[in-house]
Protein backbone atom coordinates (compact mmCIF):
# COMPACT_ATOMS: atom_id res chain seq x y z
CA MET A 1 29.38 -97.69 -32.30
CA PHE A 2 32.08 -97.39 -30.05
CA ARG A 3 34.71 -94.86 -31.25
CA ARG A 4 31.54 -92.25 -31.55
CA LEU A 5 30.69 -93.04 -27.83
CA LEU A 6 34.35 -92.67 -27.25
CA PHE A 7 34.29 -89.14 -29.03
CA MET A 8 30.93 -87.86 -27.38
CA LEU A 9 32.69 -89.06 -24.10
CA GLY A 10 35.76 -87.08 -24.51
CA LEU A 11 34.10 -84.17 -26.41
CA PHE A 12 31.42 -84.35 -22.87
CA PHE A 13 34.34 -84.24 -20.39
CA SER A 14 36.68 -81.44 -22.74
CA ILE A 15 33.67 -78.99 -22.63
CA SER A 16 32.52 -79.66 -18.81
CA ILE A 17 35.51 -78.88 -17.26
CA SER A 18 35.20 -76.63 -14.58
CA ALA A 19 35.86 -73.45 -14.26
CA ARG A 20 38.51 -73.93 -10.85
CA ALA A 21 40.34 -75.77 -12.92
CA GLN A 22 41.39 -72.79 -15.30
CA GLY A 23 44.36 -70.84 -14.94
CA ASN A 24 44.54 -67.12 -13.63
CA ASN A 25 45.96 -65.96 -16.81
CA ASP A 26 44.36 -65.01 -20.52
CA VAL A 27 45.85 -63.93 -23.54
CA PHE A 28 43.69 -62.00 -26.02
CA ILE A 29 44.90 -61.50 -30.07
CA GLY A 30 42.31 -59.64 -32.41
CA TYR A 31 41.77 -57.21 -34.96
CA THR A 32 41.63 -53.60 -33.82
CA PHE A 33 40.74 -50.11 -35.10
CA GLU A 34 41.36 -46.79 -34.13
CA HIS A 35 40.58 -43.17 -35.24
CA LEU A 36 43.80 -41.29 -34.62
CA GLY A 37 43.16 -37.95 -32.84
CA THR A 38 45.94 -36.34 -34.62
CA ALA A 39 45.55 -33.16 -37.28
CA PRO A 40 44.43 -34.17 -39.62
CA SER A 41 42.42 -37.40 -37.76
CA ARG A 42 42.83 -40.45 -39.94
CA ASN A 43 41.31 -43.91 -39.52
CA ILE A 44 43.65 -46.52 -39.20
CA ASN A 45 43.51 -50.69 -38.87
CA GLY A 46 45.68 -52.73 -36.73
CA ILE A 47 46.36 -55.88 -34.42
CA GLU A 48 46.44 -55.82 -30.66
CA LEU A 49 47.67 -58.29 -28.11
CA THR A 50 47.25 -58.51 -24.35
CA GLY A 51 48.40 -60.43 -21.73
CA GLU A 52 46.31 -60.83 -18.00
CA HIS A 53 47.20 -62.80 -15.00
CA ARG A 54 43.99 -62.11 -12.28
CA PHE A 55 45.31 -62.02 -9.05
CA LEU A 56 41.57 -62.82 -7.74
CA PRO A 57 38.29 -64.05 -10.06
CA TRP A 58 37.73 -60.22 -10.66
CA ILE A 59 40.47 -58.23 -10.41
CA GLY A 60 44.04 -59.19 -12.52
CA VAL A 61 46.91 -56.94 -14.24
CA ALA A 62 46.96 -56.32 -17.94
CA ALA A 63 49.74 -55.92 -20.09
CA ASP A 64 48.44 -54.40 -23.96
CA LEU A 65 50.45 -54.25 -27.23
CA ASP A 66 49.01 -52.77 -30.33
CA GLY A 67 50.55 -51.58 -33.39
CA HIS A 68 48.07 -49.81 -36.33
CA PHE A 69 49.11 -49.08 -39.94
CA GLY A 70 47.43 -46.98 -42.51
CA LEU A 71 46.08 -48.03 -45.79
CA PRO A 72 48.68 -47.34 -48.86
CA THR A 73 46.11 -45.11 -50.30
CA GLN A 74 46.37 -42.61 -47.61
CA THR A 75 49.05 -40.20 -46.07
CA ASP A 76 51.66 -42.45 -43.81
CA ALA A 77 50.40 -43.11 -40.41
CA ARG A 78 52.01 -45.59 -38.12
CA ASP A 79 51.22 -46.15 -34.35
CA LEU A 80 52.48 -48.34 -31.66
CA HIS A 81 51.34 -48.25 -27.93
CA PHE A 82 52.23 -50.46 -24.71
CA MET A 83 50.34 -50.24 -22.15
CA VAL A 84 50.60 -52.09 -18.13
CA GLY A 85 47.73 -51.43 -15.91
CA PRO A 86 44.76 -53.35 -13.32
CA GLN A 87 41.89 -54.79 -14.90
CA ILE A 88 38.42 -55.42 -13.32
CA SER A 89 36.05 -58.10 -14.41
CA LEU A 90 33.41 -59.74 -13.63
CA PRO A 91 33.88 -63.69 -14.15
CA ARG A 92 30.46 -64.68 -15.94
CA ARG A 93 29.36 -66.22 -18.87
CA ILE A 94 29.02 -62.60 -20.13
CA SER A 95 31.96 -61.28 -18.85
CA PRO A 96 32.01 -57.33 -18.45
CA PHE A 97 35.44 -55.56 -17.83
CA PHE A 98 37.10 -52.32 -17.40
CA HIS A 99 40.55 -51.40 -17.05
CA VAL A 100 43.10 -48.20 -17.15
CA LEU A 101 46.38 -48.66 -18.91
CA GLY A 102 49.65 -46.54 -18.22
CA GLY A 103 52.75 -46.70 -21.05
CA PHE A 104 54.24 -45.68 -24.18
CA GLY A 105 53.03 -44.54 -27.55
CA HIS A 106 54.95 -44.04 -30.42
CA ILE A 107 54.23 -42.67 -34.00
CA HIS A 108 55.39 -42.47 -37.63
CA GLU A 109 53.21 -39.44 -39.54
CA ASN A 110 54.26 -37.88 -42.94
CA GLY A 111 57.73 -38.39 -42.16
CA GLY A 112 57.98 -37.18 -38.66
CA THR A 113 58.00 -39.75 -35.63
CA SER A 114 56.79 -38.85 -31.86
CA THR A 115 57.12 -41.10 -28.57
CA SER A 116 54.67 -40.19 -25.75
CA PHE A 117 53.29 -41.16 -22.65
CA ALA A 118 49.76 -42.93 -23.58
CA THR A 119 47.33 -43.86 -21.01
CA ALA A 120 43.74 -45.75 -22.45
CA PHE A 121 40.19 -45.73 -20.33
CA GLY A 122 37.88 -48.85 -21.57
CA GLY A 123 36.81 -51.60 -21.12
CA GLY A 124 34.37 -54.28 -22.98
CA VAL A 125 32.56 -57.31 -23.15
CA ASP A 126 33.94 -61.08 -23.54
CA PHE A 127 32.08 -63.81 -24.42
CA HIS A 128 32.64 -67.25 -23.19
CA LEU A 129 32.44 -70.13 -25.83
CA ALA A 130 33.90 -72.86 -23.78
CA PRO A 131 36.64 -73.22 -21.17
CA LEU A 132 39.13 -72.30 -22.35
CA PHE A 133 38.47 -70.07 -25.24
CA ALA A 134 36.45 -66.59 -25.17
CA TRP A 135 35.30 -64.17 -27.86
CA ARG A 136 35.84 -60.41 -27.32
CA VAL A 137 32.86 -59.32 -28.57
CA ILE A 138 33.75 -55.14 -28.15
CA GLN A 139 36.83 -53.54 -26.50
CA VAL A 140 36.30 -49.69 -26.13
CA ASP A 141 38.96 -47.07 -24.99
CA ASP A 142 39.87 -43.50 -25.45
CA VAL A 143 43.58 -43.82 -25.81
CA LEU A 144 45.32 -40.27 -24.34
CA THR A 145 48.60 -38.99 -25.95
CA GLN A 146 50.17 -36.20 -26.44
CA PHE A 147 52.49 -36.47 -29.84
CA PHE A 148 54.21 -33.63 -31.42
CA GLY A 149 53.00 -31.78 -28.40
CA THR A 150 48.99 -31.74 -28.74
CA THR A 151 47.32 -33.69 -26.86
CA GLN A 152 45.41 -36.58 -28.96
CA HIS A 153 42.09 -38.74 -27.92
CA SER A 154 42.05 -41.37 -30.00
CA VAL A 155 39.60 -43.59 -30.22
CA ARG A 156 40.07 -47.89 -30.39
CA LEU A 157 38.08 -50.70 -30.92
CA SER A 158 39.07 -54.49 -30.84
CA THR A 159 37.88 -57.77 -31.50
CA GLY A 160 39.04 -61.02 -31.51
CA LEU A 161 39.94 -64.49 -29.46
CA GLU A 162 40.58 -64.40 -25.99
CA PHE A 163 42.83 -67.62 -24.35
CA ARG A 164 42.59 -68.77 -21.17
CA PHE A 165 44.38 -70.87 -19.66
């Protein structure tokens, strides 16, 4: 009985950590899907990693790295983006956010490679599960690149876990 009481008290105190005790840093890791806007267009899957440092509770700077890889049954396609920029969020249990990111993108497609400036305009919704964890329910971005001398608008969808410290 005493062990159960200690366990319940420990669980209660770990869940009831106040928002002020949380740090200003977030790390997101998750699955990402991209509709690559090249000719011909294709759908590729990958992983995304984002780190954010907040200067105020509602504004910070985010650094985003993602990699997408085609399926073995499709024509070869891989792309990589690294972008940095401001992110504005509403610090609530259900927290919408918006960001504008800039950096570079690299693609390997059908034996050819190209590197270009890349931008991403988008946002999403985080759902806070516990003081130190959140679920990024959805993130939608329009990723703009100029691979092989032509402009592409690629839609990127992401979901995954966010760790707050």
